Amino acid sequence: VAYVDIKDIYVRLRVLSSNSEDYVHIKDINFFNKDGNRISNVEIEKDEPVINEYKFQMEDVYYKDAINGLISRTLGKEYVNFFDLSLLPDDKGKDYFVIYTENDKVILKGNNINSISVALNYYFEHYLEQTFERFGNSKIKVTLPLPQIEGVIEKSIDMKYRYNYNYVAYGYTMAYWTFDEWEREIDWMALNGFNMALNLVGHEEVVRRFLKEFGFSFFEIVNYLTSPIYLPWQFMGNISAVGGELTPKWFEDRAKLSIDIQKRMLEVGIEPIHQMFIGYFPYKENSGVNVINGGYWSKIKGPDRLDFNNNNVEFISSVYYEKQRELLGKSKYFAGDLFHEGANLYGYDAGELSNRVLSLLKNNTGEDSVWIIQSWAHNPSSESIENLNKDNILILDLHSQLNTRWKGISKFNYMSWDNKEFDNSNWIFGILNNFGGRNGLYGHSNHLLRQFYDAKYNSDYLSGIANTSEGVGFNNFIDELSTELIFSDEVNMDEFVKRYLKNRYGKSDRDLLVAFNILLDTVYNPIFIMKELQSQS
């Protein structure tokens, strides 16, 4: 509401968006006199929008109902009764499954829901000879009677952690996904054995609720946040206030979507990973919170940070985690980096600050909570992790297939650690095969296998494997190859390629195999092992 005499005054409204019959989102309002000169002394009173604050409530889902739902979505509900499901004792120290046929039924057994899902996919790929495609709406095709299995097959899954998503995939690929895309993606993850995944959907709503508690208006919050495609970089602490304002409807829709994603992930045995409290907090006059001015990343202003030495960070962090639980429920795993792609320590001792934020995490979410730290560029330094309780951290080495940082030195920036394997920390082997969400046939397939098995057999703290590509779904071959690495059995490349081609294209064909082997000897095995050939934005 503008309290002005509108006689001889012109009003210009700049509309940012209009996706509702009830309102439009106005970017700015300007007033001009009859001569076209802007009137600057007009005060505009802005009403706070009413935003429904949805809350997470998990319903228990019986494991058979969860797997039957997966069968219905991937194969068809008419085939549910052709499968018999049961849980095995969880007493082997690793995940495993058993699969066989009996009385014209396929028997799927596993030590948990995720293992049974992998067993189902094993049947798809080895007996129905098809791959469940990550995108689209196709289902696995079936001709009755179902193929029989000779004997009993038992498979062990060596990797404890099977992690999915690079932060920036939420910008390059998934910024505007609806639940239709997410439902299929979660099914694909479950079938391929992923048991943990970063969930950034709706984190901006956590930020909104959090800052509202400290007196920030909606308009101040949306001017601090970025547009959807840039949010991952803000959550990593690189940038802020770039790209345009988010609407009230955006916050509501993303909250609902995130809750649906959380529920489905948990239903099929995937642990959601939430954003950790790192201390990002925008400056506001008279807020009572002291902040340190954010630095610059690629010449873009980063978010301001709490002054950990001059604030009640215990209280501030408790509000953050309360609002996060309210929207997303509880979690054991949290991701976040103190100094992502930057050497600016803001005057802190890296070790002391790391201990501080880990203590805040444990105080608010439980003593067994785990901080997942990205290994990338100068992060994490030896100083930042050497004194942390190793039971509470997990290093996600983003680029393991090309940069063997676990051996104690980075080939790209020559950073080193006092001890190998990130100062004797549990770590995950990351496969980063896409930069910038760009298309292209590319991948170090044989080198990937060599590097992974080198780590598997010669490291002491390797605990998992991850797909950490910056763009999702750009390289089907490498994605499928990567998911084979979770098993105890080593991958035989020749056998894998033949099965991959038959499952993908519907038949065994000599010419097809010859053609693909040309790709396998060239684009999938480039000469320059340390050079990224795929273009980047």
Protein backbone atom coordinates (compact mmCIF):
# COMPACT_ATOMS: atom_id res chain seq x y z
CA VAL A 1 0.00 0.00 0.00
CA ALA A 2 1.44 3.37 -1.02
CA TYR A 3 0.13 6.37 0.88
CA VAL A 4 0.47 9.08 -1.79
CA ASP A 5 -1.73 11.51 -3.65
CA ILE A 6 -1.92 9.76 -7.03
CA LYS A 7 -3.03 12.84 -8.94
CA ASP A 8 -0.62 13.41 -11.83
CA ILE A 9 1.48 10.42 -10.72
CA TYR A 10 2.21 7.39 -12.89
CA VAL A 11 2.85 3.99 -11.38
CA ARG A 12 5.03 1.37 -13.10
CA LEU A 13 4.82 -2.22 -11.88
CA ARG A 14 7.43 -4.74 -12.97
CA VAL A 15 5.93 -8.24 -12.68
CA LEU A 16 8.39 -11.05 -12.00
CA SER A 17 5.96 -13.93 -12.41
CA SER A 18 2.30 -14.84 -12.40
CA ASN A 19 1.54 -18.51 -11.83
CA SER A 20 -1.60 -18.21 -9.77
CA GLU A 21 -5.10 -16.86 -10.25
CA ASP A 22 -4.85 -15.24 -6.82
CA TYR A 23 -1.78 -13.04 -7.11
CA VAL A 24 1.14 -11.84 -9.19
CA HIS A 25 4.72 -11.56 -7.94
CA ILE A 26 5.84 -7.96 -8.35
CA LYS A 27 9.55 -7.31 -8.69
CA ASP A 28 9.39 -3.59 -8.05
CA ILE A 29 7.09 -0.55 -8.06
CA ASN A 30 8.19 2.89 -9.31
CA PHE A 31 6.38 6.23 -9.20
CA PHE A 32 6.86 8.99 -11.78
CA ASN A 33 5.55 12.55 -12.07
CA LYS A 34 3.93 13.95 -15.19
CA ASP A 35 7.35 14.90 -16.55
CA GLY A 36 8.56 11.30 -16.32
CA ASN A 37 10.90 11.89 -13.39
CA ARG A 38 11.04 9.19 -10.73
CA ILE A 39 9.63 10.10 -7.31
CA SER A 40 11.95 8.60 -4.72
CA ASN A 41 10.36 9.66 -1.41
CA VAL A 42 7.45 7.21 -1.54
CA GLU A 43 7.27 4.61 1.21
CA ILE A 44 5.61 1.31 0.34
CA GLU A 45 4.19 -0.91 3.03
CA LYS A 46 4.55 -4.58 2.09
CA ASP A 47 2.32 -7.21 3.63
CA GLU A 48 3.97 -10.48 4.61
CA PRO A 49 2.58 -13.32 2.48
CA VAL A 50 0.81 -16.20 4.17
CA ILE A 51 2.77 -19.39 3.47
CA ASN A 52 1.52 -22.79 4.56
CA GLU A 53 4.25 -24.42 6.62
CA TYR A 54 3.94 -28.12 5.90
CA LYS A 55 5.39 -30.57 8.40
CA PHE A 56 6.91 -33.98 7.86
CA GLN A 57 5.05 -36.98 9.22
CA MET A 58 6.36 -40.42 8.34
CA GLU A 59 3.97 -43.33 8.02
CA ASP A 60 5.40 -46.80 8.55
CA VAL A 61 5.32 -48.83 5.35
CA TYR A 62 5.53 -52.63 5.51
CA TYR A 63 8.55 -53.80 3.52
CA LYS A 64 6.47 -56.05 1.26
CA ASP A 65 4.16 -53.15 0.43
CA ALA A 66 7.22 -51.02 -0.43
CA ILE A 67 8.72 -53.64 -2.77
CA ASN A 68 5.33 -54.44 -4.30
CA GLY A 69 4.96 -50.76 -5.05
CA LEU A 70 8.36 -50.82 -6.73
CA ILE A 71 7.35 -53.86 -8.80
CA SER A 72 4.10 -52.16 -9.80
CA ARG A 73 5.85 -49.02 -11.00
CA THR A 74 8.72 -50.74 -12.83
CA LEU A 75 7.05 -53.89 -14.14
CA GLY A 76 3.31 -53.57 -13.63
CA LYS A 77 0.94 -54.23 -10.73
CA GLU A 78 -0.40 -57.31 -12.52
CA TYR A 79 2.95 -59.01 -11.88
CA VAL A 80 3.18 -58.45 -8.13
CA ASN A 81 1.89 -61.94 -7.33
CA PHE A 82 4.64 -63.54 -9.41
CA PHE A 83 7.18 -62.54 -6.75
CA ASP A 84 7.60 -63.77 -3.18
CA LEU A 85 9.49 -61.52 -0.77
CA SER A 86 11.13 -62.13 2.61
CA LEU A 87 13.77 -60.65 4.89
CA LEU A 88 17.00 -62.45 5.76
CA PRO A 89 18.99 -62.07 9.01
CA ASP A 90 21.11 -58.95 9.06
CA ASP A 91 24.12 -60.76 10.50
CA LYS A 92 26.83 -60.75 7.82
CA GLY A 93 28.24 -57.28 8.35
CA LYS A 94 27.24 -56.33 4.81
CA ASP A 95 24.15 -56.24 2.65
CA TYR A 96 23.30 -59.34 0.62
CA PHE A 97 20.44 -60.99 -1.24
CA VAL A 98 19.30 -64.41 -2.41
CA ILE A 99 17.26 -65.05 -5.55
CA TYR A 100 15.76 -68.23 -7.02
CA THR A 101 12.55 -69.53 -8.58
CA GLU A 102 10.10 -71.92 -6.98
CA ASN A 103 6.63 -73.01 -8.09
CA ASP A 104 6.68 -70.48 -10.95
CA LYS A 105 7.45 -67.65 -8.55
CA VAL A 106 10.57 -65.55 -8.27
CA ILE A 107 11.83 -65.61 -4.69
CA LEU A 108 13.57 -62.41 -3.59
CA LYS A 109 15.26 -62.34 -0.20
CA GLY A 110 17.51 -59.73 1.33
CA ASN A 111 18.70 -58.42 4.67
CA ASN A 112 16.80 -55.15 4.13
CA ILE A 113 14.48 -53.40 1.69
CA ASN A 114 17.37 -51.99 -0.32
CA SER A 115 18.92 -55.44 -0.81
CA ILE A 116 15.60 -56.89 -2.00
CA SER A 117 15.32 -53.99 -4.47
CA VAL A 118 18.77 -54.84 -5.85
CA ALA A 119 17.69 -58.49 -6.12
CA LEU A 120 14.70 -57.41 -8.19
CA ASN A 121 16.97 -55.43 -10.51
CA TYR A 122 19.32 -58.41 -10.80
CA TYR A 123 16.39 -60.42 -12.11
CA PHE A 124 15.48 -57.64 -14.55
CA GLU A 125 19.00 -57.42 -15.98
CA HIS A 126 20.10 -61.06 -15.95
CA TYR A 127 16.87 -62.93 -16.67
CA LEU A 128 14.42 -60.50 -18.26
CA GLU A 129 17.49 -59.05 -20.00
CA GLN A 130 16.37 -55.44 -19.75
CA THR A 131 17.54 -52.31 -17.99
CA PHE A 132 15.11 -50.06 -16.17
CA GLU A 133 15.67 -46.73 -17.86
CA ARG A 134 16.36 -43.78 -15.61
CA PHE A 135 14.22 -41.38 -17.63
CA GLY A 136 10.89 -41.63 -19.43
CA ASN A 137 7.87 -43.71 -18.50
CA SER A 138 8.67 -47.13 -19.98
CA LYS A 139 8.38 -50.29 -17.92
CA ILE A 140 10.20 -53.59 -18.04
CA LYS A 141 8.47 -55.82 -20.61
CA VAL A 142 7.41 -59.31 -19.59
CA THR A 143 6.47 -62.44 -21.50
CA LEU A 144 4.92 -65.19 -19.40
CA PRO A 145 5.93 -67.59 -18.07
CA LEU A 146 8.69 -65.73 -16.24
CA PRO A 147 12.22 -67.01 -16.89
CA GLN A 148 13.37 -69.60 -14.36
CA ILE A 149 16.59 -69.37 -12.37
CA GLU A 150 18.85 -72.39 -12.25
CA GLY A 151 19.83 -73.03 -8.65
CA VAL A 152 20.11 -70.39 -5.94
CA ILE A 153 22.01 -67.15 -6.52
CA GLU A 154 23.46 -65.24 -3.58
CA LYS A 155 25.21 -61.91 -3.98
CA SER A 156 27.07 -59.78 -1.44
CA ILE A 157 27.23 -56.00 -1.60
CA ASP A 158 30.67 -54.92 -0.40
CA MET A 159 30.17 -51.19 -0.25
CA LYS A 160 28.51 -50.06 3.00
CA TYR A 161 27.61 -46.62 1.64
CA ARG A 162 26.15 -46.21 -1.85
CA TYR A 163 25.78 -42.46 -2.23
CA ASN A 164 24.08 -40.38 -4.91
CA TYR A 165 24.33 -36.74 -6.05
CA ASN A 166 26.72 -33.93 -6.36
CA TYR A 167 25.36 -30.68 -4.88
CA VAL A 168 25.36 -28.98 -8.26
CA ALA A 169 23.24 -31.67 -9.93
CA TYR A 170 20.37 -29.89 -8.18
CA GLY A 171 21.19 -26.87 -10.32
CA TYR A 172 22.36 -28.35 -13.61
CA THR A 173 19.66 -31.03 -13.85
CA MET A 174 17.06 -31.25 -11.10
CA ALA A 175 16.12 -27.67 -10.23
CA TYR A 176 12.59 -27.93 -11.62
CA TRP A 177 11.81 -31.63 -11.29
CA THR A 178 8.32 -32.59 -10.17
CA PHE A 179 7.43 -35.73 -8.25
CA ASP A 180 6.90 -37.55 -11.55
CA GLU A 181 10.62 -37.28 -12.27
CA TRP A 182 11.58 -37.89 -8.66
CA GLU A 183 9.44 -41.01 -8.33
CA ARG A 184 11.19 -42.66 -11.26
CA GLU A 185 14.60 -41.45 -10.07
CA ILE A 186 14.08 -42.93 -6.60
CA ASP A 187 12.96 -46.22 -8.15
CA TRP A 188 16.13 -46.22 -10.27
CA MET A 189 18.23 -45.54 -7.19
CA ALA A 190 16.62 -48.32 -5.19
CA LEU A 191 17.03 -50.88 -7.99
CA ASN A 192 20.70 -49.96 -8.36
CA GLY A 193 21.51 -50.18 -4.67
CA PHE A 194 21.87 -46.55 -3.62
CA ASN A 195 21.17 -46.41 0.10
CA MET A 196 21.86 -42.72 0.76
CA ALA A 197 21.18 -39.60 -1.26
CA LEU A 198 21.61 -35.87 -0.79
CA ASN A 199 18.23 -34.12 -0.62
CA LEU A 200 18.40 -30.37 -1.18
CA VAL A 201 14.82 -30.00 -2.39
CA GLY A 202 13.05 -27.47 -0.19
CA HIS A 203 16.10 -26.47 1.83
CA GLU A 204 15.31 -22.88 0.91
CA GLU A 205 12.11 -23.31 2.93
CA VAL A 206 14.20 -24.40 5.93
CA VAL A 207 16.24 -21.22 5.45
CA ARG A 208 13.07 -19.11 5.21
CA ARG A 209 11.57 -20.52 8.40
CA PHE A 210 14.90 -20.22 10.19
CA LEU A 211 15.53 -16.58 9.28
CA LYS A 212 11.92 -15.63 9.99
CA GLU A 213 12.58 -16.53 13.63
CA PHE A 214 15.23 -13.81 13.72
CA GLY A 215 13.00 -11.06 12.36
CA PHE A 216 13.72 -11.29 8.65
CA SER A 217 10.82 -10.36 6.39
CA PHE A 218 9.86 -12.52 3.43
CA PHE A 219 11.22 -9.85 1.10
CA GLU A 220 14.56 -9.73 2.89
CA ILE A 221 14.84 -13.52 2.70
CA VAL A 222 14.06 -13.83 -1.01
CA ASN A 223 16.53 -11.05 -1.76
CA TYR A 224 19.17 -13.06 0.11
CA LEU A 225 18.42 -16.35 -1.67
CA THR A 226 19.26 -17.11 -5.28
CA SER A 227 17.01 -18.34 -8.07
CA PRO A 228 16.39 -22.12 -8.18
CA ILE A 229 19.22 -23.13 -10.51
CA TYR A 230 21.82 -21.37 -8.32
CA LEU A 231 20.64 -22.56 -4.91
CA PRO A 232 23.15 -25.46 -4.66
CA TRP A 233 26.04 -22.99 -4.87
CA GLN A 234 24.45 -20.89 -2.14
CA PHE A 235 24.04 -23.94 0.08
CA MET A 236 27.75 -24.71 -0.42
CA GLY A 237 28.63 -21.17 0.64
CA ASN A 238 29.76 -19.84 -2.75
CA ILE A 239 27.14 -17.23 -3.68
CA SER A 240 24.00 -15.43 -2.55
CA ALA A 241 21.35 -13.07 -3.96
CA VAL A 242 21.84 -14.08 -7.61
CA GLY A 243 19.24 -14.65 -10.28
CA GLY A 244 15.89 -13.37 -9.06
CA GLU A 245 13.35 -13.76 -6.30
CA LEU A 246 11.45 -16.89 -5.27
CA THR A 247 7.67 -16.67 -4.90
CA PRO A 248 5.55 -17.70 -1.90
CA LYS A 249 4.08 -20.51 -3.98
CA TRP A 250 7.59 -21.78 -4.73
CA PHE A 251 8.28 -22.27 -1.03
CA GLU A 252 5.01 -24.13 -0.47
CA ASP A 253 5.42 -26.35 -3.51
CA ARG A 254 9.01 -27.25 -2.70
CA ALA A 255 8.14 -28.06 0.88
CA LYS A 256 5.42 -30.48 -0.23
CA LEU A 257 7.70 -32.01 -2.85
CA SER A 258 10.54 -32.49 -0.40
CA ILE A 259 8.26 -34.27 2.06
CA ASP A 260 7.08 -36.62 -0.72
CA ILE A 261 10.70 -37.29 -1.72
CA GLN A 262 11.72 -37.97 1.89
CA LYS A 263 8.88 -40.43 2.41
CA ARG A 264 9.57 -42.36 -0.78
CA MET A 265 13.32 -42.52 -0.15
CA LEU A 266 12.80 -43.89 3.34
CA GLU A 267 10.15 -46.30 2.09
CA VAL A 268 12.64 -48.01 -0.26
CA GLY A 269 15.60 -47.94 2.13
CA ILE A 270 17.42 -44.77 1.03
CA GLU A 271 18.73 -42.49 3.80
CA PRO A 272 18.15 -38.80 2.95
CA ILE A 273 21.13 -36.54 3.63
CA HIS A 274 20.26 -33.09 4.92
CA GLN A 275 22.12 -29.79 4.81
CA MET A 276 24.24 -29.24 7.91
CA PHE A 277 24.34 -26.00 9.89
CA ILE A 278 27.53 -24.33 8.72
CA GLY A 279 26.75 -20.80 9.92
CA TYR A 280 25.55 -18.92 6.83
CA PHE A 281 23.54 -15.94 8.04
CA PRO A 282 22.77 -12.67 6.19
CA TYR A 283 23.50 -9.28 7.68
CA LYS A 284 20.49 -7.40 9.07
CA GLU A 285 20.70 -4.17 10.99
CA ASN A 286 19.55 -4.52 14.60
CA SER A 287 19.05 -8.27 14.26
CA GLY A 288 21.14 -8.92 17.36
CA VAL A 289 23.27 -11.36 15.37
CA ASN A 290 26.88 -10.53 14.57
CA VAL A 291 28.04 -11.65 11.13
CA ILE A 292 31.25 -11.72 9.14
CA ASN A 293 31.03 -10.30 5.64
CA GLY A 294 31.02 -13.10 3.06
CA GLY A 295 33.92 -13.47 0.68
CA TYR A 296 33.90 -13.74 -3.10
CA TRP A 297 33.74 -16.82 -5.33
CA SER A 298 34.34 -16.33 -9.05
CA LYS A 299 33.84 -12.59 -8.44
CA ILE A 300 30.38 -13.22 -6.95
CA LYS A 301 29.55 -12.23 -3.36
CA GLY A 302 29.12 -15.20 -1.06
CA PRO A 303 26.76 -15.45 1.93
CA ASP A 304 27.64 -13.73 5.16
CA ARG A 305 28.62 -15.97 8.05
CA LEU A 306 27.92 -16.03 11.73
CA ASP A 307 30.66 -14.78 13.97
CA PHE A 308 31.10 -17.93 16.03
CA ASN A 309 33.02 -16.03 18.70
CA ASN A 310 30.41 -13.32 19.30
CA ASN A 311 27.03 -15.04 19.11
CA ASN A 312 24.99 -17.60 20.97
CA VAL A 313 25.58 -20.15 18.24
CA GLU A 314 24.16 -22.95 20.40
CA PHE A 315 20.77 -21.24 20.37
CA ILE A 316 20.96 -20.13 16.73
CA SER A 317 21.88 -23.62 15.53
CA SER A 318 19.13 -25.18 17.64
CA VAL A 319 16.56 -23.02 15.84
CA TYR A 320 17.99 -24.12 12.48
CA TYR A 321 17.83 -27.83 13.27
CA GLU A 322 14.36 -27.48 14.79
CA LYS A 323 13.05 -25.93 11.55
CA GLN A 324 14.82 -28.59 9.49
CA ARG A 325 13.27 -31.45 11.48
CA GLU A 326 9.88 -29.76 11.22
CA LEU A 327 10.01 -29.91 7.43
CA LEU A 328 12.21 -32.91 6.67
CA GLY A 329 12.06 -35.15 9.72
CA LYS A 330 15.08 -36.73 11.39
CA SER A 331 18.26 -37.87 9.70
CA LYS A 332 21.58 -39.38 10.69
CA TYR A 333 23.60 -37.93 7.80
CA PHE A 334 24.33 -34.26 7.10
CA ALA A 335 26.38 -32.61 4.36
CA GLY A 336 28.14 -29.28 4.33
CA ASP A 337 31.54 -27.68 3.82
CA LEU A 338 33.05 -24.86 5.81
CA PHE A 339 35.36 -23.61 3.07
CA HIS A 340 34.16 -25.03 -0.25
CA GLU A 341 36.37 -23.93 -3.18
CA GLY A 342 38.00 -21.27 -1.10
CA ALA A 343 41.05 -20.83 1.08
CA ASN A 344 39.54 -17.95 3.13
CA LEU A 345 39.28 -19.13 6.74
CA TYR A 346 37.69 -15.83 7.90
CA GLY A 347 40.20 -15.66 10.76
CA TYR A 348 39.23 -19.01 12.26
CA ASP A 349 41.38 -21.93 13.24
CA ALA A 350 40.14 -24.64 10.84
CA GLY A 351 40.35 -27.41 13.43
CA GLU A 352 38.56 -25.48 16.15
CA LEU A 353 35.73 -24.39 13.84
CA SER A 354 35.26 -27.93 12.49
CA ASN A 355 35.00 -29.27 16.02
CA ARG A 356 32.52 -26.54 16.87
CA VAL A 357 30.09 -27.23 14.03
CA LEU A 358 30.34 -30.99 14.58
CA SER A 359 29.51 -30.51 18.27
CA LEU A 360 26.51 -28.38 17.31
CA LEU A 361 25.35 -31.13 14.95
CA LYS A 362 25.63 -33.87 17.58
CA ASN A 363 23.98 -31.75 20.27
CA ASN A 364 20.95 -31.18 18.04
CA THR A 365 20.62 -34.42 16.09
CA GLY A 366 22.26 -37.15 18.18
CA GLU A 367 25.67 -38.46 19.16
CA ASP A 368 25.77 -40.90 16.23
CA SER A 369 25.16 -38.21 13.57
CA VAL A 370 27.58 -38.21 10.66
CA TRP A 371 29.01 -35.17 8.90
CA ILE A 372 29.66 -35.87 5.20
CA ILE A 373 32.52 -33.64 4.04
CA GLN A 374 33.30 -33.17 0.36
CA SER A 375 36.87 -33.83 -0.73
CA TRP A 376 37.36 -31.19 -3.40
CA ALA A 377 39.95 -28.51 -4.11
CA HIS A 378 41.39 -27.42 -0.73
CA ASN A 379 38.70 -29.12 1.30
CA PRO A 380 39.10 -30.77 3.74
CA SER A 381 42.51 -29.72 4.99
CA SER A 382 44.40 -31.99 7.33
CA GLU A 383 44.05 -29.35 10.05
CA SER A 384 40.27 -29.28 9.74
CA ILE A 385 39.69 -33.02 10.26
CA GLU A 386 42.68 -34.49 12.11
CA ASN A 387 41.14 -34.04 15.57
CA LEU A 388 37.53 -34.87 14.71
CA ASN A 389 35.93 -38.04 16.03
CA LYS A 390 36.24 -40.32 13.02
CA ASP A 391 32.98 -42.08 13.92
CA ASN A 392 31.17 -38.83 13.15
CA ILE A 393 32.66 -37.94 9.77
CA LEU A 394 32.61 -39.46 6.31
CA ILE A 395 34.72 -38.03 3.49
CA LEU A 396 33.01 -37.91 0.10
CA ASP A 397 35.92 -37.88 -2.36
CA LEU A 398 34.19 -36.40 -5.38
CA HIS A 399 36.67 -37.30 -8.12
CA SER A 400 38.33 -40.54 -7.05
CA GLN A 401 38.54 -42.11 -10.49
CA LEU A 402 40.99 -39.45 -11.70
CA ASN A 403 42.48 -37.92 -8.56
CA THR A 404 43.79 -40.42 -6.01
CA ARG A 405 43.63 -38.07 -3.03
CA TRP A 406 43.20 -41.09 -0.74
CA LYS A 407 46.87 -41.84 -1.32
CA GLY A 408 47.79 -38.60 0.42
CA ILE A 409 48.19 -36.03 -2.35
CA SER A 410 45.99 -34.26 -4.87
CA LYS A 411 47.20 -34.43 -8.47
CA PHE A 412 45.35 -31.24 -9.39
CA ASN A 413 46.40 -28.75 -6.71
CA TYR A 414 49.21 -30.66 -4.98
CA MET A 415 47.46 -30.50 -1.65
CA SER A 416 48.68 -33.13 0.79
CA TRP A 417 47.66 -34.63 4.12
CA ASP A 418 49.73 -35.73 7.09
CA ASN A 419 48.34 -39.24 6.77
CA LYS A 420 46.87 -41.11 3.84
CA GLU A 421 43.13 -41.66 3.43
CA PHE A 422 42.19 -38.23 4.74
CA ASP A 423 43.99 -38.65 8.03
CA ASN A 424 42.63 -42.17 8.49
CA SER A 425 38.99 -41.26 7.93
CA ASN A 426 36.23 -43.38 6.43
CA TRP A 427 35.73 -42.26 2.86
CA ILE A 428 33.63 -42.80 -0.25
CA PHE A 429 34.99 -43.34 -3.77
CA GLY A 430 33.30 -40.71 -5.97
CA ILE A 431 32.77 -41.12 -9.71
CA LEU A 432 32.46 -37.69 -11.30
CA ASN A 433 31.89 -38.18 -15.00
CA ASN A 434 30.05 -35.00 -15.98
CA PHE A 435 31.01 -31.38 -15.55
CA GLY A 436 28.54 -28.56 -15.99
CA GLY A 437 25.64 -30.74 -17.12
CA ARG A 438 27.06 -30.91 -20.65
CA ASN A 439 26.25 -33.64 -23.16
CA GLY A 440 28.95 -35.88 -24.57
CA LEU A 441 30.20 -39.44 -24.94
CA TYR A 442 33.00 -39.61 -22.44
CA GLY A 443 34.43 -41.67 -19.62
CA HIS A 444 37.54 -43.39 -18.31
CA SER A 445 35.95 -46.85 -18.14
CA ASN A 446 39.01 -49.11 -17.80
CA HIS A 447 40.88 -46.53 -15.74
CA LEU A 448 37.83 -46.27 -13.47
CA LEU A 449 37.93 -50.01 -12.81
CA ARG A 450 41.67 -49.96 -12.11
CA GLN A 451 41.40 -47.04 -9.72
CA PHE A 452 38.41 -48.44 -7.88
CA TYR A 453 39.87 -51.90 -7.35
CA ASP A 454 43.19 -50.36 -6.34
CA ALA A 455 41.34 -48.47 -3.60
CA LYS A 456 39.18 -51.47 -2.69
CA TYR A 457 42.11 -53.82 -2.15
CA ASN A 458 44.82 -51.44 -0.96
CA SER A 459 43.07 -48.91 1.26
CA ASP A 460 42.06 -49.38 4.87
CA TYR A 461 39.18 -46.93 5.18
CA LEU A 462 37.23 -47.15 1.91
CA SER A 463 33.59 -47.42 2.99
CA GLY A 464 31.50 -46.70 -0.06
CA ILE A 465 31.02 -45.64 -3.64
CA ALA A 466 29.21 -42.61 -5.07
CA ASN A 467 27.86 -41.11 -8.26
CA THR A 468 29.02 -37.51 -7.97
CA SER A 469 28.53 -36.27 -11.55
CA GLU A 470 27.59 -32.61 -11.85
CA GLY A 471 24.81 -33.41 -14.32
CA VAL A 472 22.45 -36.37 -13.97
CA GLY A 473 21.71 -38.86 -16.75
CA PHE A 474 24.20 -37.71 -19.37
CA ASN A 475 26.22 -40.92 -19.61
CA ASN A 476 24.17 -44.09 -19.34
CA PHE A 477 27.11 -46.43 -19.94
CA ILE A 478 29.30 -45.07 -17.14
CA ASP A 479 26.31 -44.84 -14.79
CA GLU A 480 25.46 -48.51 -15.37
CA LEU A 481 29.10 -49.57 -15.06
CA SER A 482 29.43 -47.67 -11.79
CA THR A 483 26.47 -49.42 -10.20
CA GLU A 484 28.12 -52.81 -10.86
CA LEU A 485 30.96 -51.89 -8.50
CA ILE A 486 28.87 -52.36 -5.37
CA PHE A 487 29.13 -56.16 -5.57
CA SER A 488 31.83 -58.45 -4.19
CA ASP A 489 32.46 -59.90 -7.65
CA GLU A 490 34.84 -57.97 -9.88
CA VAL A 491 33.41 -56.53 -13.08
CA ASN A 492 34.45 -58.34 -16.24
CA MET A 493 34.33 -55.58 -18.85
CA ASP A 494 33.73 -57.86 -21.84
CA GLU A 495 30.82 -59.63 -20.15
CA PHE A 496 29.38 -56.37 -18.86
CA VAL A 497 29.46 -54.72 -22.29
CA LYS A 498 27.68 -57.65 -23.95
CA ARG A 499 24.95 -57.65 -21.29
CA TYR A 500 24.66 -53.84 -21.36
CA LEU A 501 24.16 -53.79 -25.13
CA LYS A 502 21.67 -56.66 -25.16
CA ASN A 503 19.63 -55.15 -22.32
CA ARG A 504 19.67 -51.68 -23.83
CA TYR A 505 19.03 -52.53 -27.49
CA GLY A 506 17.02 -55.71 -27.19
CA LYS A 507 19.25 -58.31 -28.78
CA SER A 508 22.81 -59.57 -29.22
CA ASP A 509 24.26 -58.22 -32.43
CA ARG A 510 27.81 -58.65 -33.70
CA ASP A 511 27.89 -55.36 -35.62
CA LEU A 512 26.58 -53.51 -32.59
CA LEU A 513 29.31 -55.04 -30.43
CA VAL A 514 32.01 -54.11 -32.96
CA ALA A 515 30.72 -50.54 -33.14
CA PHE A 516 30.55 -50.14 -29.38
CA ASN A 517 34.06 -51.53 -28.94
CA ILE A 518 35.27 -48.67 -31.13
CA LEU A 519 33.70 -46.28 -28.59
CA LEU A 520 35.14 -48.33 -25.75
CA ASP A 521 38.66 -47.97 -27.20
CA THR A 522 38.31 -44.23 -27.84
CA VAL A 523 35.83 -41.94 -26.11
CA TYR A 524 35.40 -44.29 -23.15
CA ASN A 525 39.18 -44.70 -22.75
CA PRO A 526 40.78 -41.35 -23.61
CA ILE A 527 44.55 -41.12 -23.94
CA PHE A 528 44.86 -38.18 -21.55
CA ILE A 529 43.98 -39.74 -18.21
CA MET A 530 44.26 -36.48 -16.26
CA LYS A 531 42.45 -34.27 -18.77
CA GLU A 532 38.72 -33.66 -18.84
CA LEU A 533 37.66 -33.74 -22.48
CA GLN A 534 34.01 -32.91 -21.94
CA SER A 535 33.26 -29.22 -22.27
CA GLN A 536 32.11 -27.37 -19.17
CA SER A 537 29.83 -24.38 -18.79
